[in-house]
């Protein structure tokens, strides 16, 4: 990882869009700093497409797609994307799995939940679970005392034992059934919303993140940036961003955006 100030001007000038994680990338200690939200507006007003790629629930994505200056949002680690149809004035939803599959998967996850809570002391279901459509989020430090890495790994092992996928974010351990992740749904979003083959156009995008569940994106995109708090996870990750901000969370996101926009103005 090299400092974000080294981001190439020619890359910045060619960007079509910016994808970004929310928790601890766009937020700082659970809040969106004014600088981060202003940076989001600055990207939008400069003509760059902006899409959050998050593990947060469908209920949050409803709000984000309607009220944030974004072109859509990928949620629940790739289970869905929502966007606001400005022409029709309606919220539109796209899920990776059909309704009946999602119902059955929720039933299976309920059984896993009971095993995790009984097996790993100090765990709790994430407070946003009621607003989720497809996955189970176990709180590892958001509203409970921070779990040890051994406990986090144990939660992931229980998910995988039952055939579920599992990813660790900066706040939750998420588990789900289905062959998808943040990257796969991002590919679908780009194809369906913009008519673009992401494999052929990935150099026109930047991804910003902070934690292990962002690794598929860090591995795939040639242009990636992390906020400073990614160093908390660096030793547990195989794929790190190319660039890193000197500030944490939302302030780091704002720093990344300011760098990109300033590079685009260079002749």
C-alpha atoms as a PDB file:
ATOM      1  CA  UNK A   1       0.000   0.000   0.000  1.00  0.00           C
ATOM      2  CA  UNK A   2       1.334   3.405  -0.957  1.00  0.00           C
ATOM      3  CA  UNK A   3       0.001   6.801   0.194  1.00  0.00           C
ATOM      4  CA  UNK A   4      -3.087   8.052  -1.618  1.00  0.00           C
ATOM      5  CA  UNK A   5      -1.224  11.233  -2.557  1.00  0.00           C
ATOM      6  CA  UNK A   6       0.584   9.076  -5.145  1.00  0.00           C
ATOM      7  CA  UNK A   7      -2.642   8.259  -7.000  1.00  0.00           C
ATOM      8  CA  UNK A   8      -1.961   8.796 -10.731  1.00  0.00           C
ATOM      9  CA  UNK A   9      -3.642  11.750 -12.426  1.00  0.00           C
ATOM     10  CA  UNK A  10      -4.226   9.789 -15.642  1.00  0.00           C
ATOM     11  CA  UNK A  11      -6.173   7.141 -13.708  1.00  0.00           C
ATOM     12  CA  UNK A  12      -8.237   9.756 -11.866  1.00  0.00           C
ATOM     13  CA  UNK A  13      -9.152  11.455 -15.148  1.00  0.00           C
ATOM     14  CA  UNK A  14     -10.382   8.184 -16.620  1.00  0.00           C
ATOM     15  CA  UNK A  15     -12.617   7.117 -13.716  1.00  0.00           C
ATOM     16  CA  UNK A  16     -16.233   6.326 -14.542  1.00  0.00           C
ATOM     17  CA  UNK A  17     -17.276   5.364 -11.024  1.00  0.00           C
ATOM     18  CA  UNK A  18     -16.333   4.888  -7.389  1.00  0.00           C
ATOM     19  CA  UNK A  19     -17.511   1.922  -5.330  1.00  0.00           C
ATOM     20  CA  UNK A  20     -17.115   2.134  -1.558  1.00  0.00           C
ATOM     21  CA  UNK A  21     -17.794   0.248   1.636  1.00  0.00           C
ATOM     22  CA  UNK A  22     -19.819   2.069   4.315  1.00  0.00           C
ATOM     23  CA  UNK A  23     -18.912   0.992   7.875  1.00  0.00           C
ATOM     24  CA  UNK A  24     -15.532   2.376   8.941  1.00  0.00           C
ATOM     25  CA  UNK A  25     -14.794   3.440   5.362  1.00  0.00           C
ATOM     26  CA  UNK A  26     -17.496   6.083   4.912  1.00  0.00           C
ATOM     27  CA  UNK A  27     -18.187   6.345   8.648  1.00  0.00           C
ATOM     28  CA  UNK A  28     -16.019   7.122  11.663  1.00  0.00           C
ATOM     29  CA  UNK A  29     -17.006   5.426  14.926  1.00  0.00           C
ATOM     30  CA  UNK A  30     -20.454   4.770  13.480  1.00  0.00           C
ATOM     31  CA  UNK A  31     -21.164   8.305  12.258  1.00  0.00           C
ATOM     32  CA  UNK A  32     -20.904   9.850   8.782  1.00  0.00           C
ATOM     33  CA  UNK A  33     -18.594  12.869   9.053  1.00  0.00           C
ATOM     34  CA  UNK A  34     -19.657  16.007   7.233  1.00  0.00           C
ATOM     35  CA  UNK A  35     -16.506  15.820   5.111  1.00  0.00           C
ATOM     36  CA  UNK A  36     -17.401  12.324   3.917  1.00  0.00           C
ATOM     37  CA  UNK A  37     -20.930  13.229   2.872  1.00  0.00           C
ATOM     38  CA  UNK A  38     -19.678  16.398   1.179  1.00  0.00           C
ATOM     39  CA  UNK A  39     -17.131  14.259  -0.663  1.00  0.00           C
ATOM     40  CA  UNK A  40     -19.934  12.000  -1.876  1.00  0.00           C
ATOM     41  CA  UNK A  41     -21.789  15.007  -3.262  1.00  0.00           C
ATOM     42  CA  UNK A  42     -18.573  16.275  -4.849  1.00  0.00           C
ATOM     43  CA  UNK A  43     -18.125  12.979  -6.690  1.00  0.00           C
ATOM     44  CA  UNK A  44     -21.730  12.992  -7.861  1.00  0.00           C
ATOM     45  CA  UNK A  45     -21.570  16.599  -9.039  1.00  0.00           C
ATOM     46  CA  UNK A  46     -18.326  15.920 -10.908  1.00  0.00           C
ATOM     47  CA  UNK A  47     -20.118  13.305 -13.016  1.00  0.00           C
ATOM     48  CA  UNK A  48     -18.554  10.235 -11.389  1.00  0.00           C
ATOM     49  CA  UNK A  49     -20.943   7.369 -10.622  1.00  0.00           C
ATOM     50  CA  UNK A  50     -21.091   6.426  -6.929  1.00  0.00           C
ATOM     51  CA  UNK A  51     -22.330   3.138  -5.480  1.00  0.00           C
ATOM     52  CA  UNK A  52     -21.933   1.906  -1.874  1.00  0.00           C
ATOM     53  CA  UNK A  53     -21.060  -1.806  -1.661  1.00  0.00           C
ATOM     54  CA  UNK A  54     -21.967  -2.871   1.862  1.00  0.00           C
ATOM     55  CA  UNK A  55     -22.837  -5.700   4.206  1.00  0.00           C
ATOM     56  CA  UNK A  56     -25.621  -3.613   5.714  1.00  0.00           C
ATOM     57  CA  UNK A  57     -29.249  -4.771   5.420  1.00  0.00           C
ATOM     58  CA  UNK A  58     -31.961  -4.288   2.842  1.00  0.00           C
ATOM     59  CA  UNK A  59     -33.759  -1.853   5.150  1.00  0.00           C
ATOM     60  CA  UNK A  60     -30.747   0.445   5.169  1.00  0.00           C
ATOM     61  CA  UNK A  61     -30.343   0.073   1.408  1.00  0.00           C
ATOM     62  CA  UNK A  62     -33.932   1.292   0.913  1.00  0.00           C
ATOM     63  CA  UNK A  63     -33.033   4.523   2.699  1.00  0.00           C
ATOM     64  CA  UNK A  64     -29.633   4.890   1.012  1.00  0.00           C
ATOM     65  CA  UNK A  65     -30.969   4.405  -2.512  1.00  0.00           C
ATOM     66  CA  UNK A  66     -33.753   6.914  -1.925  1.00  0.00           C
ATOM     67  CA  UNK A  67     -31.960   9.668  -0.019  1.00  0.00           C
ATOM     68  CA  UNK A  68     -28.221   9.591  -0.639  1.00  0.00           C
ATOM     69  CA  UNK A  69     -26.584  11.096  -3.755  1.00  0.00           C
ATOM     70  CA  UNK A  70     -25.797   7.642  -5.171  1.00  0.00           C
ATOM     71  CA  UNK A  71     -26.546   5.722  -8.363  1.00  0.00           C
ATOM     72  CA  UNK A  72     -27.575   2.605  -6.477  1.00  0.00           C
ATOM     73  CA  UNK A  73     -26.423   0.447  -3.561  1.00  0.00           C
ATOM     74  CA  UNK A  74     -25.289  -3.180  -3.308  1.00  0.00           C
ATOM     75  CA  UNK A  75     -26.243  -4.622   0.083  1.00  0.00           C
ATOM     76  CA  UNK A  76     -26.028  -7.664   2.322  1.00  0.00           C
ATOM     77  CA  UNK A  77     -22.625  -8.597   0.875  1.00  0.00           C
ATOM     78  CA  UNK A  78     -23.949  -8.939  -2.656  1.00  0.00           C
ATOM     79  CA  UNK A  79     -27.397 -10.454  -2.081  1.00  0.00           C
ATOM     80  CA  UNK A  80     -29.194  -7.466  -3.584  1.00  0.00           C
ATOM     81  CA  UNK A  81     -28.992  -4.077  -5.185  1.00  0.00           C
ATOM     82  CA  UNK A  82     -31.470  -1.226  -4.986  1.00  0.00           C
ATOM     83  CA  UNK A  83     -31.660   1.959  -7.005  1.00  0.00           C
ATOM     84  CA  UNK A  84     -33.983   4.921  -7.235  1.00  0.00           C
ATOM     85  CA  UNK A  85     -35.547   5.322 -10.651  1.00  0.00           C
ATOM     86  CA  UNK A  86     -35.463   9.104 -10.995  1.00  0.00           C
ATOM     87  CA  UNK A  87     -37.594   9.056 -14.144  1.00  0.00           C
ATOM     88  CA  UNK A  88     -40.341   7.022 -12.541  1.00  0.00           C
ATOM     89  CA  UNK A  89     -39.736   8.320  -9.027  1.00  0.00           C
ATOM     90  CA  UNK A  90     -39.762   4.775  -7.625  1.00  0.00           C
ATOM     91  CA  UNK A  91     -37.404   2.574  -5.656  1.00  0.00           C
ATOM     92  CA  UNK A  92     -36.389  -0.533  -7.626  1.00  0.00           C
ATOM     93  CA  UNK A  93     -35.055  -3.765  -6.131  1.00  0.00           C
ATOM     94  CA  UNK A  94     -32.990  -6.626  -7.528  1.00  0.00           C
ATOM     95  CA  UNK A  95     -32.206  -9.770  -5.511  1.00  0.00           C
ATOM     96  CA  UNK A  96     -29.720 -12.468  -6.446  1.00  0.00           C
ATOM     97  CA  UNK A  97     -32.026 -15.246  -5.186  1.00  0.00           C
ATOM     98  CA  UNK A  98     -35.820 -15.662  -5.718  1.00  0.00           C
ATOM     99  CA  UNK A  99     -38.319 -15.280  -2.862  1.00  0.00           C
ATOM    100  CA  UNK A 100     -38.752 -18.992  -2.117  1.00  0.00           C
ATOM    101  CA  UNK A 101     -35.006 -19.594  -1.900  1.00  0.00           C
ATOM    102  CA  UNK A 102     -34.581 -16.636   0.433  1.00  0.00           C
ATOM    103  CA  UNK A 103     -37.327 -17.960   2.713  1.00  0.00           C
ATOM    104  CA  UNK A 104     -35.696 -21.388   2.962  1.00  0.00           C
ATOM    105  CA  UNK A 105     -32.278 -19.870   3.561  1.00  0.00           C
ATOM    106  CA  UNK A 106     -33.624 -17.743   6.409  1.00  0.00           C
ATOM    107  CA  UNK A 107     -35.017 -20.886   8.036  1.00  0.00           C
ATOM    108  CA  UNK A 108     -31.608 -22.575   7.819  1.00  0.00           C
ATOM    109  CA  UNK A 109     -29.827 -19.508   9.166  1.00  0.00           C
ATOM    110  CA  UNK A 110     -32.155 -19.437  12.178  1.00  0.00           C
ATOM    111  CA  UNK A 111     -30.792 -22.834  13.215  1.00  0.00           C
ATOM    112  CA  UNK A 112     -27.209 -21.649  12.779  1.00  0.00           C
ATOM    113  CA  UNK A 113     -27.954 -18.573  14.868  1.00  0.00           C
ATOM    114  CA  UNK A 114     -28.958 -20.685  17.861  1.00  0.00           C
ATOM    115  CA  UNK A 115     -25.765 -22.738  17.606  1.00  0.00           C
ATOM    116  CA  UNK A 116     -23.534 -19.650  17.413  1.00  0.00           C
ATOM    117  CA  UNK A 117     -25.178 -17.953  20.389  1.00  0.00           C
ATOM    118  CA  UNK A 118     -24.881 -21.141  22.444  1.00  0.00           C
ATOM    119  CA  UNK A 119     -21.316 -21.924  21.403  1.00  0.00           C
ATOM    120  CA  UNK A 120     -19.545 -18.565  21.463  1.00  0.00           C
ATOM    121  CA  UNK A 121     -19.986 -16.585  24.729  1.00  0.00           C
ATOM    122  CA  UNK A 122     -20.402 -12.839  24.335  1.00  0.00           C
ATOM    123  CA  UNK A 123     -21.953 -13.007  20.889  1.00  0.00           C
ATOM    124  CA  UNK A 124     -25.220 -11.353  19.909  1.00  0.00           C
ATOM    125  CA  UNK A 125     -27.285 -10.993  16.791  1.00  0.00           C
ATOM    126  CA  UNK A 126     -26.581  -7.660  15.094  1.00  0.00           C
ATOM    127  CA  UNK A 127     -29.048  -4.911  15.930  1.00  0.00           C
ATOM    128  CA  UNK A 128     -29.898  -4.451  12.236  1.00  0.00           C
ATOM    129  CA  UNK A 129     -30.901  -8.109  11.747  1.00  0.00           C
ATOM    130  CA  UNK A 130     -34.621  -7.285  11.646  1.00  0.00           C
ATOM    131  CA  UNK A 131     -34.048  -5.339   8.431  1.00  0.00           C
ATOM    132  CA  UNK A 132     -32.181  -8.124   6.611  1.00  0.00           C
ATOM    133  CA  UNK A 133     -33.593 -10.212   3.761  1.00  0.00           C
ATOM    134  CA  UNK A 134     -30.902 -12.824   3.144  1.00  0.00           C
ATOM    135  CA  UNK A 135     -28.143 -13.187   5.719  1.00  0.00           C
ATOM    136  CA  UNK A 136     -27.377 -13.551   9.406  1.00  0.00           C
ATOM    137  CA  UNK A 137     -25.204 -10.868  10.994  1.00  0.00           C
ATOM    138  CA  UNK A 138     -23.461 -11.652  14.268  1.00  0.00           C
ATOM    139  CA  UNK A 139     -22.189  -8.637  16.180  1.00  0.00           C
ATOM    140  CA  UNK A 140     -18.487  -8.865  16.986  1.00  0.00           C
ATOM    141  CA  UNK A 141     -17.877  -5.335  18.290  1.00  0.00           C
ATOM    142  CA  UNK A 142     -20.587  -2.861  17.269  1.00  0.00           C
ATOM    143  CA  UNK A 143     -22.922  -3.137  20.273  1.00  0.00           C
ATOM    144  CA  UNK A 144     -21.097  -5.816  22.271  1.00  0.00           C
ATOM    145  CA  UNK A 145     -17.612  -5.874  23.826  1.00  0.00           C
ATOM    146  CA  UNK A 146     -15.132  -6.742  21.089  1.00  0.00           C
ATOM    147  CA  UNK A 147     -14.742 -10.478  20.576  1.00  0.00           C
ATOM    148  CA  UNK A 148     -11.328 -12.093  20.333  1.00  0.00           C
ATOM    149  CA  UNK A 149     -10.075 -13.195  16.928  1.00  0.00           C
ATOM    150  CA  UNK A 150     -10.459 -16.794  18.108  1.00  0.00           C
ATOM    151  CA  UNK A 151     -14.165 -16.146  18.760  1.00  0.00           C
ATOM    152  CA  UNK A 152     -14.579 -14.458  15.376  1.00  0.00           C
ATOM    153  CA  UNK A 153     -12.926 -17.427  13.684  1.00  0.00           C
ATOM    154  CA  UNK A 154     -15.175 -19.838  15.602  1.00  0.00           C
ATOM    155  CA  UNK A 155     -18.292 -18.051  14.339  1.00  0.00           C
ATOM    156  CA  UNK A 156     -17.034 -18.348  10.773  1.00  0.00           C
ATOM    157  CA  UNK A 157     -16.310 -22.045  11.295  1.00  0.00           C
ATOM    158  CA  UNK A 158     -19.883 -22.684  12.445  1.00  0.00           C
ATOM    159  CA  UNK A 159     -21.290 -20.954   9.375  1.00  0.00           C
ATOM    160  CA  UNK A 160     -19.048 -22.943   7.047  1.00  0.00           C
ATOM    161  CA  UNK A 161     -19.790 -26.245   8.823  1.00  0.00           C
ATOM    162  CA  UNK A 162     -23.402 -25.826   7.705  1.00  0.00           C
ATOM    163  CA  UNK A 163     -22.435 -24.972   4.145  1.00  0.00           C
ATOM    164  CA  UNK A 164     -22.916 -21.218   4.506  1.00  0.00           C
ATOM    165  CA  UNK A 165     -20.503 -18.576   3.304  1.00  0.00           C
ATOM    166  CA  UNK A 166     -18.967 -16.250   5.883  1.00  0.00           C
ATOM    167  CA  UNK A 167     -17.213 -12.891   5.791  1.00  0.00           C
ATOM    168  CA  UNK A 168     -15.815 -10.657   8.521  1.00  0.00           C
ATOM    169  CA  UNK A 169     -16.423  -6.919   8.390  1.00  0.00           C
ATOM    170  CA  UNK A 170     -15.197  -4.281  10.802  1.00  0.00           C
ATOM    171  CA  UNK A 171     -18.307  -4.802  12.968  1.00  0.00           C
ATOM    172  CA  UNK A 172     -20.029  -8.096  12.085  1.00  0.00           C
ATOM    173  CA  UNK A 173     -19.487 -11.673  11.044  1.00  0.00           C
ATOM    174  CA  UNK A 174     -21.972 -12.275   8.235  1.00  0.00           C
ATOM    175  CA  UNK A 175     -23.136 -15.657   6.976  1.00  0.00           C
ATOM    176  CA  UNK A 176     -25.382 -16.582   4.073  1.00  0.00           C
ATOM    177  CA  UNK A 177     -26.322 -19.340   1.657  1.00  0.00           C
ATOM    178  CA  UNK A 178     -25.745 -18.600  -2.005  1.00  0.00           C
ATOM    179  CA  UNK A 179     -22.977 -18.332  -4.560  1.00  0.00           C
ATOM    180  CA  UNK A 180     -22.490 -14.588  -4.442  1.00  0.00           C
ATOM    181  CA  UNK A 181     -20.434 -11.892  -2.782  1.00  0.00           C
ATOM    182  CA  UNK A 182     -19.861  -8.155  -3.139  1.00  0.00           C
ATOM    183  CA  UNK A 183     -17.944  -8.561  -6.377  1.00  0.00           C
ATOM    184  CA  UNK A 184     -20.387 -10.842  -8.162  1.00  0.00           C
ATOM    185  CA  UNK A 185     -23.342  -8.517  -7.546  1.00  0.00           C
ATOM    186  CA  UNK A 186     -21.252  -5.505  -8.516  1.00  0.00           C
ATOM    187  CA  UNK A 187     -20.661  -7.200 -11.869  1.00  0.00           C
ATOM    188  CA  UNK A 188     -24.416  -7.758 -12.228  1.00  0.00           C
ATOM    189  CA  UNK A 189     -25.178  -4.154 -11.261  1.00  0.00           C
ATOM    190  CA  UNK A 190     -22.751  -2.701 -13.800  1.00  0.00           C
ATOM    191  CA  UNK A 191     -24.100  -4.908 -16.584  1.00  0.00           C
ATOM    192  CA  UNK A 192     -27.782  -4.355 -15.844  1.00  0.00           C
ATOM    193  CA  UNK A 193     -27.712  -0.673 -14.918  1.00  0.00           C
ATOM    194  CA  UNK A 194     -25.050   0.651 -17.289  1.00  0.00           C
ATOM    195  CA  UNK A 195     -24.765  -2.025 -19.976  1.00  0.00           C
ATOM    196  CA  UNK A 196     -21.061  -2.490 -19.247  1.00  0.00           C
ATOM    197  CA  UNK A 197     -18.959  -5.650 -18.972  1.00  0.00           C
ATOM    198  CA  UNK A 198     -17.051  -5.019 -15.762  1.00  0.00           C
ATOM    199  CA  UNK A 199     -14.252  -7.422 -16.674  1.00  0.00           C
ATOM    200  CA  UNK A 200     -13.554  -5.243 -19.713  1.00  0.00           C
ATOM    201  CA  UNK A 201     -14.038  -1.907 -17.927  1.00  0.00           C
ATOM    202  CA  UNK A 202     -12.716  -2.451 -14.392  1.00  0.00           C
ATOM    203  CA  UNK A 203      -9.837  -0.014 -14.879  1.00  0.00           C
ATOM    204  CA  UNK A 204     -12.428   2.779 -15.036  1.00  0.00           C
ATOM    205  CA  UNK A 205     -13.476   2.188 -11.420  1.00  0.00           C
ATOM    206  CA  UNK A 206     -12.013   2.764  -7.969  1.00  0.00           C
ATOM    207  CA  UNK A 207     -12.989   0.730  -4.918  1.00  0.00           C
ATOM    208  CA  UNK A 208     -12.552   2.018  -1.352  1.00  0.00           C
ATOM    209  CA  UNK A 209     -12.748  -0.241   1.699  1.00  0.00           C
ATOM    210  CA  UNK A 210     -11.362  -1.122   5.103  1.00  0.00           C
ATOM    211  CA  UNK A 211     -11.805  -4.781   6.110  1.00  0.00           C
ATOM    212  CA  UNK A 212     -11.599  -8.490   5.146  1.00  0.00           C
ATOM    213  CA  UNK A 213     -15.026  -8.651   3.492  1.00  0.00           C
ATOM    214  CA  UNK A 214     -13.673  -6.154   0.943  1.00  0.00           C
ATOM    215  CA  UNK A 215     -10.915  -8.520  -0.179  1.00  0.00           C
ATOM    216  CA  UNK A 216     -12.712  -9.786  -3.333  1.00  0.00           C
ATOM    217  CA  UNK A 217     -12.901  -6.169  -4.479  1.00  0.00           C
ATOM    218  CA  UNK A 218      -9.287  -5.402  -3.547  1.00  0.00           C
ATOM    219  CA  UNK A 219      -8.145  -8.469  -5.459  1.00  0.00           C
ATOM    220  CA  UNK A 220     -10.239  -7.759  -8.557  1.00  0.00           C
ATOM    221  CA  UNK A 221      -9.962  -4.024  -9.184  1.00  0.00           C
ATOM    222  CA  UNK A 222      -6.629  -2.591 -10.360  1.00  0.00           C
ATOM    223  CA  UNK A 223      -7.406   0.730  -8.648  1.00  0.00           C
ATOM    224  CA  UNK A 224      -8.214   0.402  -4.941  1.00  0.00           C
ATOM    225  CA  UNK A 225      -7.805   2.511  -1.821  1.00  0.00           C
ATOM    226  CA  UNK A 226      -8.119   1.805   1.871  1.00  0.00           C
ATOM    227  CA  UNK A 227      -8.666   4.106   4.802  1.00  0.00           C
ATOM    228  CA  UNK A 228      -6.013   4.087   7.519  1.00  0.00           C
ATOM    229  CA  UNK A 229      -7.871   1.711   9.835  1.00  0.00           C
ATOM    230  CA  UNK A 230      -7.337  -1.115   7.349  1.00  0.00           C
ATOM    231  CA  UNK A 231      -4.046  -1.688   9.173  1.00  0.00           C
ATOM    232  CA  UNK A 232      -6.141  -3.224  11.961  1.00  0.00           C
ATOM    233  CA  UNK A 233      -6.836  -6.179   9.641  1.00  0.00           C
ATOM    234  CA  UNK A 234      -3.801  -6.151   7.360  1.00  0.00           C
ATOM    235  CA  UNK A 235      -2.112  -9.190   8.911  1.00  0.00           C
ATOM    236  CA  UNK A 236      -5.284 -11.264   8.421  1.00  0.00           C
ATOM    237  CA  UNK A 237      -5.798 -10.291   4.784  1.00  0.00           C
ATOM    238  CA  UNK A 238      -4.315 -11.759   1.615  1.00  0.00           C
ATOM    239  CA  UNK A 239      -5.359  -8.906  -0.673  1.00  0.00           C
ATOM    240  CA  UNK A 240      -4.800  -5.288   0.308  1.00  0.00           C
ATOM    241  CA  UNK A 241      -5.607  -2.051  -1.533  1.00  0.00           C
ATOM    242  CA  UNK A 242      -3.019  -0.420  -3.765  1.00  0.00           C
ATOM    243  CA  UNK A 243      -3.327   2.952  -1.991  1.00  0.00           C
ATOM    244  CA  UNK A 244      -4.077   3.989   1.581  1.00  0.00           C
ATOM    245  CA  UNK A 245      -5.239   7.218   3.196  1.00  0.00           C
ATOM    246  CA  UNK A 246      -3.422   8.728   6.157  1.00  0.00           C
ATOM    247  CA  UNK A 247      -6.743   9.256   7.965  1.00  0.00           C
ATOM    248  CA  UNK A 248      -9.285   6.798   9.302  1.00  0.00           C
ATOM    249  CA  UNK A 249     -12.896   6.136   8.357  1.00  0.00           C
ATOM    250  CA  UNK A 250     -14.944   8.884   6.768  1.00  0.00           C
ATOM    251  CA  UNK A 251     -12.115  11.393   7.004  1.00  0.00           C
ATOM    252  CA  UNK A 252      -9.946   8.961   5.056  1.00  0.00           C
ATOM    253  CA  UNK A 253     -12.694   8.551   2.461  1.00  0.00           C
ATOM    254  CA  UNK A 254     -12.885  12.324   2.091  1.00  0.00           C
ATOM    255  CA  UNK A 255      -9.096  12.444   1.674  1.00  0.00           C
ATOM    256  CA  UNK A 256      -9.263   9.816  -1.082  1.00  0.00           C
ATOM    257  CA  UNK A 257     -12.008  11.710  -2.916  1.00  0.00           C
ATOM    258  CA  UNK A 258     -10.245  15.058  -2.593  1.00  0.00           C
ATOM    259  CA  UNK A 259      -7.117  13.497  -4.070  1.00  0.00           C
ATOM    260  CA  UNK A 260      -9.022  12.014  -7.009  1.00  0.00           C
ATOM    261  CA  UNK A 261     -10.867  15.221  -7.825  1.00  0.00           C
ATOM    262  CA  UNK A 262      -7.732  17.345  -7.570  1.00  0.00           C
ATOM    263  CA  UNK A 263      -5.904  14.949  -9.924  1.00  0.00           C
ATOM    264  CA  UNK A 264      -8.739  15.187 -12.444  1.00  0.00           C
ATOM    265  CA  UNK A 265      -8.228  18.952 -12.662  1.00  0.00           C
ATOM    266  CA  UNK A 266      -4.578  18.675 -13.592  1.00  0.00           C
ATOM    267  CA  UNK A 267      -3.661  19.405 -17.199  1.00  0.00           C
END
